[in-house]
Amino acid sequence: MSESELEWLDLGEVPYLEAAAQMDTWVRERREGLIADRLALLTHPAVITYGARTPRHELPVQTDIPLVEVDRGGQATYHGPGQLMGYLVLDLRQRGPGDIVRWLEQGLISALDSLGLRTVRRDTPTKAQSLVGVWTLEHKKVASIGMRIRGGVTSHGFALNIAPDLAAFSAFTACGLPEVAMTSIAEMTAAMGKPTPTEEAVRAAVAAALGAA
């Protein structure tokens, strides 16, 4: 993808539905040329989101965590404290052709590399099994990606696990992958005998890797 101005907003903790409504407004404003391309970094109170095509057997049978159907790509996933959310509102008509998902994967990989963590992207073997996201060398998933493009403008984005409660992912089929093992930056650094980077350091690394200012 070509480079262009990318505005970085730090929003703190925002309830999911409130953030989704704000994102819809940004998409409309971007389409009308009222704002620049935008990266919003934030966290959510605990919530499980899922797309319209998510099979019902992949959702939790019993959980105290709210379930919310969303209009992005991807299957069911968890958002909550300790996880960095990134919503991207980009006008692809101005940025030029490019694979936005692969660009985002590489950006997150570069951000984690700057923090001393080696991660990779994986090729998706079939349409029925998506390996989109960022993975450790042991094929544990540390970041999930689910985006939507409408009218040439993107919405939604990524969820990067810094230090969330990973047990929350065991209540349902995460990302449509029954055997997926989720991990976090905290778990990765602990295995290396290193301290976990602060959330502020992770936010800054992600923003810098994606070219946001």
C-alpha atoms as a PDB file:
ATOM      1  CA  MET A   1       0.000   0.000   0.000  1.00  0.00           C
ATOM      2  CA  SER A   2       1.140   3.541  -0.635  1.00  0.00           C
ATOM      3  CA  GLU A   3       1.863   5.885   2.257  1.00  0.00           C
ATOM      4  CA  SER A   4      -0.493   8.697   3.220  1.00  0.00           C
ATOM      5  CA  GLU A   5      -1.343  10.654   6.334  1.00  0.00           C
ATOM      6  CA  LEU A   6      -2.655   8.431   9.127  1.00  0.00           C
ATOM      7  CA  GLU A   7      -4.067  10.134  12.210  1.00  0.00           C
ATOM      8  CA  TRP A   8      -3.538   8.331  15.534  1.00  0.00           C
ATOM      9  CA  LEU A   9      -6.187   8.594  18.265  1.00  0.00           C
ATOM     10  CA  ASP A  10      -5.797   7.143  21.762  1.00  0.00           C
ATOM     11  CA  LEU A  11      -9.274   6.611  23.198  1.00  0.00           C
ATOM     12  CA  GLY A  12      -8.672   4.646  26.409  1.00  0.00           C
ATOM     13  CA  GLU A  13     -11.437   2.201  27.395  1.00  0.00           C
ATOM     14  CA  VAL A  14     -14.664   2.502  25.379  1.00  0.00           C
ATOM     15  CA  PRO A  15     -17.691   0.125  25.449  1.00  0.00           C
ATOM     16  CA  TYR A  16     -17.851  -1.892  22.229  1.00  0.00           C
ATOM     17  CA  LEU A  17     -21.202  -0.612  20.939  1.00  0.00           C
ATOM     18  CA  GLU A  18     -20.204   2.988  21.618  1.00  0.00           C
ATOM     19  CA  ALA A  19     -16.945   2.500  19.699  1.00  0.00           C
ATOM     20  CA  ALA A  20     -18.759   0.810  16.796  1.00  0.00           C
ATOM     21  CA  ALA A  21     -21.175   3.736  16.482  1.00  0.00           C
ATOM     22  CA  GLN A  22     -18.265   6.196  16.486  1.00  0.00           C
ATOM     23  CA  MET A  23     -16.491   4.132  13.838  1.00  0.00           C
ATOM     24  CA  ASP A  24     -19.556   4.238  11.573  1.00  0.00           C
ATOM     25  CA  THR A  25     -19.514   8.029  11.844  1.00  0.00           C
ATOM     26  CA  TRP A  26     -15.819   8.136  10.937  1.00  0.00           C
ATOM     27  CA  VAL A  27     -16.406   5.912   7.898  1.00  0.00           C
ATOM     28  CA  ARG A  28     -19.080   8.276   6.626  1.00  0.00           C
ATOM     29  CA  GLU A  29     -16.881  11.312   7.288  1.00  0.00           C
ATOM     30  CA  ARG A  30     -13.890   9.697   5.560  1.00  0.00           C
ATOM     31  CA  ARG A  31     -15.986   8.838   2.522  1.00  0.00           C
ATOM     32  CA  GLU A  32     -17.065  12.474   2.353  1.00  0.00           C
ATOM     33  CA  GLY A  33     -13.485  13.703   2.722  1.00  0.00           C
ATOM     34  CA  LEU A  34     -14.121  15.393   6.086  1.00  0.00           C
ATOM     35  CA  ILE A  35     -11.360  13.572   7.993  1.00  0.00           C
ATOM     36  CA  ALA A  36      -8.010  11.954   7.186  1.00  0.00           C
ATOM     37  CA  ASP A  37      -7.239   8.244   7.386  1.00  0.00           C
ATOM     38  CA  ARG A  38      -7.461   7.268  11.025  1.00  0.00           C
ATOM     39  CA  LEU A  39      -6.068   4.696  13.470  1.00  0.00           C
ATOM     40  CA  ALA A  40      -7.960   4.560  16.768  1.00  0.00           C
ATOM     41  CA  LEU A  41      -6.319   2.609  19.604  1.00  0.00           C
ATOM     42  CA  LEU A  42      -8.495   1.602  22.549  1.00  0.00           C
ATOM     43  CA  THR A  43      -9.636  -1.173  24.859  1.00  0.00           C
ATOM     44  CA  HIS A  44     -13.080  -2.619  25.551  1.00  0.00           C
ATOM     45  CA  PRO A  45     -14.815  -4.020  28.606  1.00  0.00           C
ATOM     46  CA  ALA A  46     -15.231  -7.788  28.152  1.00  0.00           C
ATOM     47  CA  VAL A  47     -17.309  -8.733  25.087  1.00  0.00           C
ATOM     48  CA  ILE A  48     -17.479 -11.561  22.531  1.00  0.00           C
ATOM     49  CA  THR A  49     -18.148 -10.401  18.975  1.00  0.00           C
ATOM     50  CA  TYR A  50     -19.076 -12.537  15.991  1.00  0.00           C
ATOM     51  CA  GLY A  51     -19.991 -12.122  12.324  1.00  0.00           C
ATOM     52  CA  ALA A  52     -23.305 -13.030  10.711  1.00  0.00           C
ATOM     53  CA  ARG A  53     -21.737 -16.133   9.129  1.00  0.00           C
ATOM     54  CA  THR A  54     -20.418 -17.514  12.412  1.00  0.00           C
ATOM     55  CA  PRO A  55     -21.930 -20.975  13.010  1.00  0.00           C
ATOM     56  CA  ARG A  56     -24.003 -20.966  16.179  1.00  0.00           C
ATOM     57  CA  HIS A  57     -22.194 -24.021  17.547  1.00  0.00           C
ATOM     58  CA  GLU A  58     -19.005 -21.931  17.705  1.00  0.00           C
ATOM     59  CA  LEU A  59     -20.563 -19.481  20.176  1.00  0.00           C
ATOM     60  CA  PRO A  60     -20.526 -20.042  23.956  1.00  0.00           C
ATOM     61  CA  VAL A  61     -23.466 -21.941  25.435  1.00  0.00           C
ATOM     62  CA  GLN A  62     -23.181 -20.289  28.843  1.00  0.00           C
ATOM     63  CA  THR A  63     -21.200 -17.156  29.586  1.00  0.00           C
ATOM     64  CA  ASP A  64     -21.490 -13.966  31.582  1.00  0.00           C
ATOM     65  CA  ILE A  65     -19.682 -12.094  28.796  1.00  0.00           C
ATOM     66  CA  PRO A  66     -22.023 -10.109  26.473  1.00  0.00           C
ATOM     67  CA  LEU A  67     -22.381 -11.398  22.895  1.00  0.00           C
ATOM     68  CA  VAL A  68     -22.560  -8.849  20.060  1.00  0.00           C
ATOM     69  CA  GLU A  69     -23.102  -9.563  16.350  1.00  0.00           C
ATOM     70  CA  VAL A  70     -20.936  -7.332  14.155  1.00  0.00           C
ATOM     71  CA  ASP A  71     -20.590  -6.459  10.458  1.00  0.00           C
ATOM     72  CA  ARG A  72     -16.887  -7.271  10.021  1.00  0.00           C
ATOM     73  CA  GLY A  73     -15.147 -10.242   8.480  1.00  0.00           C
ATOM     74  CA  GLY A  74     -13.892 -13.093  10.611  1.00  0.00           C
ATOM     75  CA  GLN A  75     -15.543 -15.349  13.157  1.00  0.00           C
ATOM     76  CA  ALA A  76     -16.117 -15.098  16.910  1.00  0.00           C
ATOM     77  CA  THR A  77     -13.485 -13.503  19.122  1.00  0.00           C
ATOM     78  CA  TYR A  78     -13.070 -12.022  22.580  1.00  0.00           C
ATOM     79  CA  HIS A  79     -12.223  -8.427  23.501  1.00  0.00           C
ATOM     80  CA  GLY A  80     -11.461  -7.263  26.994  1.00  0.00           C
ATOM     81  CA  PRO A  81      -9.064  -5.592  29.423  1.00  0.00           C
ATOM     82  CA  GLY A  82      -5.413  -6.222  28.606  1.00  0.00           C
ATOM     83  CA  GLN A  83      -6.079  -6.327  24.874  1.00  0.00           C
ATOM     84  CA  LEU A  84      -5.228  -3.499  22.473  1.00  0.00           C
ATOM     85  CA  MET A  85      -7.899  -2.808  19.857  1.00  0.00           C
ATOM     86  CA  GLY A  86      -7.022  -0.953  16.675  1.00  0.00           C
ATOM     87  CA  TYR A  87      -9.736   0.401  14.383  1.00  0.00           C
ATOM     88  CA  LEU A  88      -8.609   1.570  10.945  1.00  0.00           C
ATOM     89  CA  VAL A  89     -10.673   3.941   8.816  1.00  0.00           C
ATOM     90  CA  LEU A  90      -8.743   4.157   5.536  1.00  0.00           C
ATOM     91  CA  ASP A  91      -9.779   5.423   2.111  1.00  0.00           C
ATOM     92  CA  LEU A  92      -8.340   2.747  -0.162  1.00  0.00           C
ATOM     93  CA  ARG A  93      -9.267   4.802  -3.230  1.00  0.00           C
ATOM     94  CA  GLN A  94      -6.575   7.317  -2.228  1.00  0.00           C
ATOM     95  CA  ARG A  95      -4.055   4.845  -0.825  1.00  0.00           C
ATOM     96  CA  GLY A  96      -3.943   2.862  -4.031  1.00  0.00           C
ATOM     97  CA  PRO A  97      -4.183  -0.893  -4.630  1.00  0.00           C
ATOM     98  CA  GLY A  98      -2.878  -3.263  -2.020  1.00  0.00           C
ATOM     99  CA  ASP A  99      -3.866  -6.081   0.301  1.00  0.00           C
ATOM    100  CA  ILE A 100      -4.976  -4.222   3.419  1.00  0.00           C
ATOM    101  CA  VAL A 101      -5.004  -7.375   5.574  1.00  0.00           C
ATOM    102  CA  ARG A 102      -1.462  -8.383   4.629  1.00  0.00           C
ATOM    103  CA  TRP A 103      -0.298  -4.775   5.148  1.00  0.00           C
ATOM    104  CA  LEU A 104      -1.817  -4.815   8.632  1.00  0.00           C
ATOM    105  CA  GLU A 105      -0.301  -8.203   9.462  1.00  0.00           C
ATOM    106  CA  GLN A 106       3.148  -6.977   8.442  1.00  0.00           C
ATOM    107  CA  GLY A 107       2.694  -3.771  10.425  1.00  0.00           C
ATOM    108  CA  LEU A 108       1.867  -5.676  13.607  1.00  0.00           C
ATOM    109  CA  ILE A 109       4.777  -8.054  12.999  1.00  0.00           C
ATOM    110  CA  SER A 110       7.109  -5.058  12.671  1.00  0.00           C
ATOM    111  CA  ALA A 111       5.708  -3.515  15.866  1.00  0.00           C
ATOM    112  CA  LEU A 112       6.260  -6.720  17.830  1.00  0.00           C
ATOM    113  CA  ASP A 113       9.750  -7.088  16.353  1.00  0.00           C
ATOM    114  CA  SER A 114      10.612  -3.616  17.664  1.00  0.00           C
ATOM    115  CA  LEU A 115       9.622  -4.900  21.112  1.00  0.00           C
ATOM    116  CA  GLY A 116      11.931  -7.906  20.773  1.00  0.00           C
ATOM    117  CA  LEU A 117       9.213 -10.426  19.864  1.00  0.00           C
ATOM    118  CA  ARG A 118       9.451 -12.600  16.760  1.00  0.00           C
ATOM    119  CA  THR A 119       6.106 -13.316  15.038  1.00  0.00           C
ATOM    120  CA  VAL A 120       4.926 -14.373  11.586  1.00  0.00           C
ATOM    121  CA  ARG A 121       1.918 -14.391   9.296  1.00  0.00           C
ATOM    122  CA  ARG A 122       0.538 -17.669   7.964  1.00  0.00           C
ATOM    123  CA  ASP A 123      -0.924 -18.476   4.567  1.00  0.00           C
ATOM    124  CA  THR A 124      -4.566 -19.505   4.615  1.00  0.00           C
ATOM    125  CA  PRO A 125      -4.867 -23.080   3.252  1.00  0.00           C
ATOM    126  CA  THR A 126      -8.569 -22.982   2.323  1.00  0.00           C
ATOM    127  CA  LYS A 127     -11.509 -20.584   2.345  1.00  0.00           C
ATOM    128  CA  ALA A 128     -13.006 -22.679   5.132  1.00  0.00           C
ATOM    129  CA  GLN A 129      -9.979 -22.235   7.396  1.00  0.00           C
ATOM    130  CA  SER A 130      -8.644 -18.701   7.769  1.00  0.00           C
ATOM    131  CA  LEU A 131      -5.240 -18.172   9.344  1.00  0.00           C
ATOM    132  CA  VAL A 132      -5.392 -14.392   9.051  1.00  0.00           C
ATOM    133  CA  GLY A 133      -3.644 -12.699  11.967  1.00  0.00           C
ATOM    134  CA  VAL A 134      -0.252 -12.696  13.656  1.00  0.00           C
ATOM    135  CA  TRP A 135       1.274 -15.842  15.105  1.00  0.00           C
ATOM    136  CA  THR A 136       4.262 -16.948  17.156  1.00  0.00           C
ATOM    137  CA  LEU A 137       6.798 -19.318  15.638  1.00  0.00           C
ATOM    138  CA  GLU A 138       5.000 -22.083  17.565  1.00  0.00           C
ATOM    139  CA  HIS A 139       1.737 -21.129  15.792  1.00  0.00           C
ATOM    140  CA  LYS A 140       0.045 -19.560  18.773  1.00  0.00           C
ATOM    141  CA  LYS A 141      -2.112 -16.566  17.854  1.00  0.00           C
ATOM    142  CA  VAL A 142      -1.260 -13.213  19.416  1.00  0.00           C
ATOM    143  CA  ALA A 143      -3.273 -10.871  17.169  1.00  0.00           C
ATOM    144  CA  SER A 144      -6.590 -11.290  15.358  1.00  0.00           C
ATOM    145  CA  ILE A 145      -7.735  -9.275  12.344  1.00  0.00           C
ATOM    146  CA  GLY A 146     -11.259  -8.687  11.081  1.00  0.00           C
ATOM    147  CA  MET A 147     -12.000  -5.872   8.638  1.00  0.00           C
ATOM    148  CA  ARG A 148     -14.752  -4.566   6.429  1.00  0.00           C
ATOM    149  CA  ILE A 149     -14.514  -2.533   3.216  1.00  0.00           C
ATOM    150  CA  ARG A 150     -17.520  -0.631   1.951  1.00  0.00           C
ATOM    151  CA  GLY A 151     -17.489   2.184  -0.591  1.00  0.00           C
ATOM    152  CA  GLY A 152     -13.699   2.014  -0.695  1.00  0.00           C
ATOM    153  CA  VAL A 153     -13.323   2.778   3.032  1.00  0.00           C
ATOM    154  CA  THR A 154     -12.225   0.275   5.679  1.00  0.00           C
ATOM    155  CA  SER A 155     -13.553  -0.216   9.194  1.00  0.00           C
ATOM    156  CA  HIS A 156     -12.818  -2.501  12.154  1.00  0.00           C
ATOM    157  CA  GLY A 157      -9.215  -3.721  12.393  1.00  0.00           C
ATOM    158  CA  PHE A 158      -7.237  -5.805  14.878  1.00  0.00           C
ATOM    159  CA  ALA A 159      -7.059  -7.105  18.448  1.00  0.00           C
ATOM    160  CA  LEU A 160      -3.571  -7.535  19.915  1.00  0.00           C
ATOM    161  CA  ASN A 161      -3.263  -9.530  23.134  1.00  0.00           C
ATOM    162  CA  ILE A 162      -1.011  -7.703  25.597  1.00  0.00           C
ATOM    163  CA  ALA A 163      -2.083  -9.316  28.888  1.00  0.00           C
ATOM    164  CA  PRO A 164      -5.770 -10.324  28.694  1.00  0.00           C
ATOM    165  CA  ASP A 165      -7.454 -13.206  30.499  1.00  0.00           C
ATOM    166  CA  LEU A 166      -6.738 -15.901  27.904  1.00  0.00           C
ATOM    167  CA  ALA A 167      -9.169 -18.284  29.640  1.00  0.00           C
ATOM    168  CA  ALA A 168     -12.014 -16.237  28.125  1.00  0.00           C
ATOM    169  CA  PHE A 169     -11.160 -17.675  24.696  1.00  0.00           C
ATOM    170  CA  SER A 170     -11.856 -21.222  25.902  1.00  0.00           C
ATOM    171  CA  ALA A 171     -15.615 -20.571  26.221  1.00  0.00           C
ATOM    172  CA  PHE A 172     -16.148 -20.611  22.448  1.00  0.00           C
ATOM    173  CA  THR A 173     -14.441 -21.451  19.132  1.00  0.00           C
ATOM    174  CA  ALA A 174     -12.072 -18.535  18.635  1.00  0.00           C
ATOM    175  CA  CYS A 175     -11.612 -17.304  15.052  1.00  0.00           C
ATOM    176  CA  GLY A 176     -13.420 -20.355  13.683  1.00  0.00           C
ATOM    177  CA  LEU A 177     -10.396 -22.523  14.551  1.00  0.00           C
ATOM    178  CA  PRO A 178     -11.233 -25.273  17.089  1.00  0.00           C
ATOM    179  CA  GLU A 179      -7.566 -26.060  17.754  1.00  0.00           C
ATOM    180  CA  VAL A 180      -6.291 -22.486  17.957  1.00  0.00           C
ATOM    181  CA  ALA A 181      -4.041 -21.659  20.903  1.00  0.00           C
ATOM    182  CA  MET A 182      -4.215 -18.011  21.874  1.00  0.00           C
ATOM    183  CA  THR A 183      -1.254 -16.284  23.503  1.00  0.00           C
ATOM    184  CA  SER A 184      -0.268 -12.815  24.626  1.00  0.00           C
ATOM    185  CA  ILE A 185       2.719 -10.508  24.784  1.00  0.00           C
ATOM    186  CA  ALA A 186       2.818 -11.145  28.540  1.00  0.00           C
ATOM    187  CA  GLU A 187       2.997 -14.914  28.016  1.00  0.00           C
ATOM    188  CA  MET A 188       5.647 -14.552  25.308  1.00  0.00           C
ATOM    189  CA  THR A 189       7.904 -12.282  27.373  1.00  0.00           C
ATOM    190  CA  ALA A 190       7.488 -14.450  30.492  1.00  0.00           C
ATOM    191  CA  ALA A 191       8.738 -17.449  28.514  1.00  0.00           C
ATOM    192  CA  MET A 192      11.801 -15.378  27.556  1.00  0.00           C
ATOM    193  CA  GLY A 193      12.397 -14.245  31.139  1.00  0.00           C
ATOM    194  CA  LYS A 194      11.771 -10.624  30.154  1.00  0.00           C
ATOM    195  CA  PRO A 195       9.373  -8.000  31.538  1.00  0.00           C
ATOM    196  CA  THR A 196       6.155  -7.305  29.637  1.00  0.00           C
ATOM    197  CA  PRO A 197       6.215  -3.988  27.744  1.00  0.00           C
ATOM    198  CA  THR A 198       3.798  -1.395  29.067  1.00  0.00           C
ATOM    199  CA  GLU A 199       0.554  -0.833  27.200  1.00  0.00           C
ATOM    200  CA  GLU A 200       1.825   2.645  26.301  1.00  0.00           C
ATOM    201  CA  ALA A 201       4.968   1.143  24.729  1.00  0.00           C
ATOM    202  CA  VAL A 202       2.894  -1.330  22.718  1.00  0.00           C
ATOM    203  CA  ARG A 203       0.555   1.421  21.494  1.00  0.00           C
ATOM    204  CA  ALA A 204       3.492   3.570  20.407  1.00  0.00           C
ATOM    205  CA  ALA A 205       5.166   0.645  18.612  1.00  0.00           C
ATOM    206  CA  VAL A 206       1.986  -0.235  16.731  1.00  0.00           C
ATOM    207  CA  ALA A 207       1.294   3.371  15.734  1.00  0.00           C
ATOM    208  CA  ALA A 208       4.863   3.843  14.510  1.00  0.00           C
ATOM    209  CA  ALA A 209       4.834   0.588  12.506  1.00  0.00           C
ATOM    210  CA  LEU A 210       1.589   1.588  10.783  1.00  0.00           C
ATOM    211  CA  GLY A 211       2.875   5.061   9.990  1.00  0.00           C
ATOM    212  CA  ALA A 212       0.488   6.904  12.305  1.00  0.00           C
ATOM    213  CA  ALA A 213       1.176  10.306  13.858  1.00  0.00           C
END
